[in-house]
Amino acid sequence: MIDRTEKIEEFYNLISSELSDLPKGCLVNISPTEVKLHKFGEKSRQN
């Protein structure tokens, strides 16, 4: 998910209780990221 920190925090607040109730472990991390490559794919052609 790529967005502003405020938007991510808002989304996390909406789902945090569901994450806490998961039977398995999970990790939520917000940190600066260095983008090495951002490549858009090609749309498939419908014949």
C-alpha atoms as a PDB file:
ATOM      1  CA  MET A   1       0.000   0.000   0.000  1.00  0.00           C
ATOM      2  CA  ILE A   2       1.478   3.326  -0.997  1.00  0.00           C
ATOM      3  CA  ASP A   3      -0.140   6.439   0.410  1.00  0.00           C
ATOM      4  CA  ARG A   4       0.323   9.290   2.847  1.00  0.00           C
ATOM      5  CA  THR A   5       1.118   8.246   6.425  1.00  0.00           C
ATOM      6  CA  GLU A   6      -2.122   9.824   7.664  1.00  0.00           C
ATOM      7  CA  LYS A   7      -4.188   7.672   5.285  1.00  0.00           C
ATOM      8  CA  ILE A   8      -2.333   4.511   6.304  1.00  0.00           C
ATOM      9  CA  GLU A   9      -2.802   5.303  10.008  1.00  0.00           C
ATOM     10  CA  GLU A  10      -6.511   5.901   9.409  1.00  0.00           C
ATOM     11  CA  PHE A  11      -6.841   2.580   7.585  1.00  0.00           C
ATOM     12  CA  TYR A  12      -4.892   0.775  10.308  1.00  0.00           C
ATOM     13  CA  ASN A  13      -7.209   2.192  12.960  1.00  0.00           C
ATOM     14  CA  LEU A  14     -10.164   0.747  11.038  1.00  0.00           C
ATOM     15  CA  ILE A  15      -8.714  -2.787  10.875  1.00  0.00           C
ATOM     16  CA  SER A  16      -6.590  -2.984  14.052  1.00  0.00           C
ATOM     17  CA  SER A  17      -9.164  -4.959  16.058  1.00  0.00           C
ATOM     18  CA  GLU A  18      -9.501  -7.531  13.268  1.00  0.00           C
ATOM     19  CA  LEU A  19      -5.716  -7.841  13.099  1.00  0.00           C
ATOM     20  CA  SER A  20      -5.552  -8.367  16.861  1.00  0.00           C
ATOM     21  CA  ASP A  21      -8.137 -11.161  16.572  1.00  0.00           C
ATOM     22  CA  LEU A  22      -6.193 -13.102  13.915  1.00  0.00           C
ATOM     23  CA  PRO A  23      -5.295 -16.624  15.086  1.00  0.00           C
ATOM     24  CA  LYS A  24      -1.836 -16.396  13.516  1.00  0.00           C
ATOM     25  CA  GLY A  25       0.792 -13.707  13.992  1.00  0.00           C
ATOM     26  CA  CYS A  26       1.138 -10.632  11.850  1.00  0.00           C
ATOM     27  CA  LEU A  27       3.337  -7.570  11.538  1.00  0.00           C
ATOM     28  CA  VAL A  28       2.287  -4.035  10.651  1.00  0.00           C
ATOM     29  CA  ASN A  29       5.141  -1.724   9.730  1.00  0.00           C
ATOM     30  CA  ILE A  30       5.232   1.882   8.559  1.00  0.00           C
ATOM     31  CA  SER A  31       8.676   3.056   7.563  1.00  0.00           C
ATOM     32  CA  PRO A  32      10.447   5.094   4.902  1.00  0.00           C
ATOM     33  CA  THR A  33      10.988   3.157   1.700  1.00  0.00           C
ATOM     34  CA  GLU A  34      13.566   3.400  -1.044  1.00  0.00           C
ATOM     35  CA  VAL A  35      11.945   2.533  -4.363  1.00  0.00           C
ATOM     36  CA  LYS A  36      14.413   0.670  -6.584  1.00  0.00           C
ATOM     37  CA  LEU A  37      12.014   0.100  -9.498  1.00  0.00           C
ATOM     38  CA  HIS A  38       8.458   1.154 -10.297  1.00  0.00           C
ATOM     39  CA  LYS A  39       7.343  -0.461 -13.542  1.00  0.00           C
ATOM     40  CA  PHE A  40       3.830  -0.452 -14.904  1.00  0.00           C
ATOM     41  CA  GLY A  41       2.587  -3.618 -16.589  1.00  0.00           C
ATOM     42  CA  GLU A  42       0.931  -3.807 -19.958  1.00  0.00           C
ATOM     43  CA  LYS A  43      -2.797  -4.382 -20.220  1.00  0.00           C
ATOM     44  CA  SER A  44      -3.691  -7.722 -21.721  1.00  0.00           C
ATOM     45  CA  ARG A  45      -5.346  -7.618 -25.117  1.00  0.00           C
ATOM     46  CA  GLN A  46      -8.801  -9.176 -25.354  1.00  0.00           C
ATOM     47  CA  ASN A  47      -9.327 -10.949 -28.691  1.00  0.00           C
END
